[in-house]
Amino acid sequence: MTLLELTDVTAAYGRVKVLEGVSLSVPEGGAVGILGANGAGKTTTLRAISGTVNVGGRITFAGTDITSLGPEKTAALGIAHVPEGRGTLPNLTVRENLLVGAYLRRDRNALGDDIDFLLDLFPNLAQRISQNASALSGGEQQMLAVARAFMAKPTLLVLDEPSLGLAPSTAKDVYDAIERLRGESGIAMLVVEQNANLAFRVVDSATVLETGRSVLSGTTEELKGRDEIRKAYLGG
């Protein structure tokens, strides 16, 4: 069953068109990657889904047309977006950041259990639970951004470049946690990532964007077998 579907989506900043026709889908409980060079339109695709850019075409989520719905209503439907650059609240503690992520929830009695689950998933955060986010390393801030988004209890978690700016070993730690989060929660994911080797650990399939268009889609195994994908994204 399809959870999220984009059909011929276009997007622009003012008069500058960035997306020319993007189509992709995410099944319920599935994980899909978006690959592409800088400027291909990956981040703009996520912004189109989250309702923070003017779009054309059609975007549906759980059977509801969310095209141009706006970020607050989109989030309320069950889409949590972890933006490029993490976006944690530096002057709040780790625990306070997690609670901010749950601001739309009504099941307040379940928050403690979810925080415990996330602190087990991200042990670095457990050690810094009372420290301000500004004191965290880049990798820890990325882990906090993912954990805070999960606190909203979304159906779909949208991740924009989780490895950006991180050392290889730290990026691996972040993806270890993302992989475990998917495995233990069953949450659907849409992951933008330049490092396809990392993304392919988590996603089942991927779509490749070029100059604002989706040009190739396939399962991770199919894409790994294509010479152009290996050369462009897998270092082979």
Protein backbone atom coordinates (compact mmCIF):
# COMPACT_ATOMS: atom_id res chain seq x y z
CA MET A 1 0.00 0.00 0.00
CA THR A 2 1.38 3.41 -0.98
CA LEU A 3 1.88 5.90 1.85
CA LEU A 4 3.39 8.86 -0.03
CA GLU A 5 3.17 9.56 -3.74
CA LEU A 6 4.59 12.41 -5.81
CA THR A 7 3.32 12.77 -9.38
CA ASP A 8 5.05 15.14 -11.79
CA VAL A 9 5.87 17.57 -8.98
CA THR A 10 7.29 20.95 -9.89
CA ALA A 11 8.62 23.61 -7.53
CA ALA A 12 10.09 27.07 -7.78
CA TYR A 13 11.65 29.80 -5.68
CA GLY A 14 10.12 32.92 -7.12
CA ARG A 15 10.63 32.67 -10.88
CA VAL A 16 13.41 30.11 -10.59
CA LYS A 17 12.04 26.64 -11.25
CA VAL A 18 13.98 23.94 -9.39
CA LEU A 19 11.83 20.84 -9.87
CA GLU A 20 10.69 20.09 -13.41
CA GLY A 21 8.84 16.83 -12.84
CA VAL A 22 9.57 14.55 -9.89
CA SER A 23 7.64 11.33 -9.38
CA LEU A 24 8.29 8.81 -6.62
CA SER A 25 6.44 6.77 -4.03
CA VAL A 26 7.04 5.42 -0.54
CA PRO A 27 5.11 2.32 0.58
CA GLU A 28 3.73 1.95 4.08
CA GLY A 29 6.60 0.96 6.35
CA GLY A 30 9.07 1.24 3.47
CA ALA A 31 12.25 3.26 3.09
CA VAL A 32 13.16 5.10 -0.11
CA GLY A 33 16.28 7.07 -0.95
CA ILE A 34 16.73 10.12 -3.15
CA LEU A 35 20.12 10.36 -4.86
CA GLY A 36 21.54 13.11 -7.01
CA ALA A 37 24.33 15.62 -7.44
CA ASN A 38 24.32 19.03 -5.78
CA GLY A 39 21.61 21.17 -7.34
CA ALA A 40 19.59 18.19 -8.58
CA GLY A 41 16.58 19.19 -6.46
CA LYS A 42 16.81 16.69 -3.60
CA THR A 43 16.26 19.13 -0.73
CA THR A 44 13.58 21.00 -2.66
CA THR A 45 11.72 17.71 -3.13
CA LEU A 46 11.60 17.27 0.64
CA ARG A 47 10.49 20.87 1.09
CA ALA A 48 7.71 20.27 -1.44
CA ILE A 49 6.50 17.34 0.64
CA SER A 50 6.66 19.36 3.86
CA GLY A 51 4.79 22.29 2.33
CA THR A 52 7.52 24.92 2.60
CA VAL A 53 7.85 25.73 -1.11
CA ASN A 54 5.35 26.52 -3.87
CA VAL A 55 4.60 23.39 -5.87
CA GLY A 56 2.69 22.05 -8.83
CA GLY A 57 1.76 18.50 -9.71
CA ARG A 58 0.27 16.29 -7.04
CA ILE A 59 1.44 14.99 -3.66
CA THR A 60 -0.68 12.55 -1.68
CA PHE A 61 -0.06 11.14 1.79
CA ALA A 62 -2.14 8.30 3.26
CA GLY A 63 -4.78 9.02 0.63
CA THR A 64 -4.94 12.76 1.34
CA ASP A 65 -3.90 15.40 -1.17
CA ILE A 66 -1.25 17.45 0.65
CA THR A 67 -0.12 19.53 -2.32
CA SER A 68 0.56 23.01 -0.92
CA LEU A 69 -1.07 22.08 2.39
CA GLY A 70 1.54 23.90 4.49
CA PRO A 71 4.06 22.69 7.06
CA GLU A 72 1.88 22.68 10.19
CA LYS A 73 -0.96 20.68 8.65
CA THR A 74 1.49 18.35 6.93
CA ALA A 75 3.25 17.66 10.24
CA ALA A 76 -0.10 17.06 11.94
CA LEU A 77 -0.90 14.36 9.37
CA GLY A 78 2.21 12.42 10.34
CA ILE A 79 5.24 13.67 8.39
CA ALA A 80 8.33 14.65 10.39
CA HIS A 81 11.15 16.42 8.55
CA VAL A 82 14.77 16.42 9.76
CA PRO A 83 16.26 19.27 7.70
CA GLU A 84 19.77 19.61 6.39
CA GLY A 85 21.82 21.28 9.12
CA ARG A 86 19.96 19.45 11.92
CA GLY A 87 17.98 22.38 13.37
CA THR A 88 18.24 21.48 17.05
CA LEU A 89 17.42 24.15 19.63
CA PRO A 90 20.85 25.03 21.08
CA ASN A 91 19.70 26.71 24.28
CA LEU A 92 17.46 23.83 25.34
CA THR A 93 18.67 20.61 26.92
CA VAL A 94 18.55 17.27 25.15
CA ARG A 95 15.44 16.30 27.13
CA GLU A 96 13.75 19.63 26.37
CA ASN A 97 14.51 19.21 22.66
CA LEU A 98 12.86 15.79 22.73
CA LEU A 99 9.78 17.18 24.46
CA VAL A 100 9.54 19.98 21.88
CA GLY A 101 9.36 17.27 19.23
CA ALA A 102 6.23 15.92 20.90
CA TYR A 103 4.35 19.22 21.06
CA LEU A 104 1.52 18.02 18.77
CA ARG A 105 0.93 14.79 20.67
CA ARG A 106 -2.02 14.21 22.93
CA ASP A 107 -0.80 10.96 24.52
CA ARG A 108 1.36 12.75 27.08
CA ASN A 109 1.54 9.68 29.32
CA ALA A 110 3.54 7.82 26.65
CA LEU A 111 6.30 10.42 26.32
CA GLY A 112 8.49 8.94 29.04
CA ASP A 113 8.51 5.51 27.41
CA ASP A 114 9.40 7.01 24.03
CA ILE A 115 12.24 9.04 25.52
CA ASP A 116 13.57 5.91 27.21
CA PHE A 117 13.40 4.05 23.88
CA LEU A 118 15.33 6.82 22.11
CA LEU A 119 17.96 7.11 24.83
CA ASP A 120 18.57 3.39 24.50
CA LEU A 121 18.83 3.84 20.74
CA PHE A 122 21.15 6.86 21.06
CA PRO A 123 23.28 6.18 24.18
CA ASN A 124 25.35 9.32 23.59
CA LEU A 125 22.21 11.37 24.18
CA ALA A 126 21.49 9.49 27.40
CA GLN A 127 24.86 10.61 28.73
CA ARG A 128 24.06 14.24 27.86
CA ILE A 129 20.36 14.33 28.64
CA SER A 130 20.65 17.43 30.87
CA GLN A 131 23.14 19.31 28.69
CA ASN A 132 22.20 22.00 26.19
CA ALA A 133 22.17 20.94 22.55
CA SER A 134 24.87 23.52 21.85
CA ALA A 135 27.32 21.38 23.86
CA LEU A 136 26.83 18.33 21.64
CA SER A 137 29.15 17.20 18.88
CA GLY A 138 27.95 17.36 15.27
CA GLY A 139 27.10 13.67 15.30
CA GLU A 140 25.23 13.95 18.58
CA GLN A 141 23.26 16.93 17.25
CA GLN A 142 22.27 14.86 14.22
CA MET A 143 21.17 12.02 16.48
CA LEU A 144 19.16 14.49 18.56
CA ALA A 145 17.50 15.91 15.44
CA VAL A 146 16.40 12.42 14.37
CA ALA A 147 15.23 11.53 17.88
CA ARG A 148 13.30 14.78 18.25
CA ALA A 149 11.49 14.17 14.95
CA PHE A 150 10.59 10.65 16.06
CA MET A 151 9.04 12.08 19.24
CA ALA A 152 6.24 13.46 17.06
CA LYS A 153 5.17 9.82 16.42
CA PRO A 154 5.14 10.34 12.66
CA THR A 155 4.14 7.78 10.06
CA LEU A 156 6.88 9.06 7.73
CA LEU A 157 10.32 10.32 8.73
CA VAL A 158 11.97 12.54 6.12
CA LEU A 159 15.77 12.85 6.48
CA ASP A 160 17.85 15.39 4.56
CA GLU A 161 21.55 14.46 4.35
CA PRO A 162 22.01 12.84 7.80
CA SER A 163 25.74 12.36 7.16
CA LEU A 164 26.42 15.94 6.02
CA GLY A 165 29.53 17.42 7.63
CA LEU A 166 30.26 14.33 9.74
CA ALA A 167 33.45 12.30 9.90
CA PRO A 168 33.03 8.85 8.27
CA SER A 169 33.05 7.02 11.61
CA THR A 170 30.49 9.41 13.08
CA ALA A 171 28.28 9.15 9.99
CA LYS A 172 28.38 5.38 10.36
CA ASP A 173 27.25 5.68 13.99
CA VAL A 174 24.35 7.90 12.93
CA TYR A 175 23.27 5.42 10.28
CA ASP A 176 23.63 2.53 12.71
CA ALA A 177 21.02 4.25 14.86
CA ILE A 178 18.76 5.15 11.91
CA GLU A 179 18.89 1.54 10.73
CA ARG A 180 17.95 0.30 14.19
CA LEU A 181 15.21 2.92 14.50
CA ARG A 182 13.61 1.67 11.33
CA GLY A 183 13.98 -1.95 12.33
CA GLU A 184 12.50 -1.53 15.80
CA SER A 185 9.76 0.98 15.05
CA GLY A 186 8.67 0.04 11.53
CA ILE A 187 8.49 3.71 10.58
CA ALA A 188 8.53 4.65 6.88
CA MET A 189 11.48 6.78 5.74
CA LEU A 190 12.44 9.02 2.84
CA VAL A 191 16.19 9.68 2.90
CA VAL A 192 18.16 12.22 0.88
CA GLU A 193 21.83 11.29 0.94
CA GLN A 194 24.93 11.91 -1.18
CA ASN A 195 26.70 8.89 0.32
CA ALA A 196 24.75 6.09 -1.32
CA ASN A 197 26.75 3.43 0.52
CA LEU A 198 25.24 4.72 3.77
CA ALA A 199 21.75 5.25 2.38
CA PHE A 200 21.61 1.77 0.89
CA ARG A 201 22.01 0.30 4.38
CA VAL A 202 18.60 1.72 5.28
CA VAL A 203 16.51 2.10 2.12
CA ASP A 204 14.88 -0.61 0.03
CA SER A 205 14.81 1.42 -3.17
CA ALA A 206 15.88 4.81 -4.49
CA THR A 207 15.11 7.46 -7.08
CA VAL A 208 17.84 9.40 -8.87
CA LEU A 209 17.25 13.08 -9.64
CA GLU A 210 18.98 15.09 -12.36
CA THR A 211 18.28 18.80 -12.88
CA GLY A 212 14.94 18.63 -11.12
CA ARG A 213 13.63 15.47 -12.74
CA SER A 214 13.42 11.87 -11.59
CA VAL A 215 15.39 9.92 -14.18
CA LEU A 216 15.87 6.47 -12.65
CA SER A 217 14.27 4.37 -9.92
CA GLY A 218 14.90 0.86 -8.69
CA THR A 219 15.59 -1.37 -5.74
CA THR A 220 18.91 -0.97 -4.00
CA GLU A 221 20.15 -4.22 -5.57
CA GLU A 222 19.11 -3.09 -9.05
CA LEU A 223 20.83 0.27 -8.63
CA LYS A 224 24.00 -1.27 -7.21
CA GLY A 225 24.21 -3.31 -10.40
CA ARG A 226 24.20 -0.31 -12.72
CA ASP A 227 27.59 1.01 -13.81
CA GLU A 228 26.52 4.66 -13.78
CA ILE A 229 25.26 4.39 -10.20
CA ARG A 230 28.41 2.63 -9.00
CA LYS A 231 30.63 5.25 -10.60
CA ALA A 232 28.62 8.28 -9.51
CA TYR A 233 27.51 7.30 -6.02
CA LEU A 234 29.25 4.15 -4.82
CA GLY A 235 32.88 4.93 -5.57
CA GLY A 236 33.21 2.03 -7.97
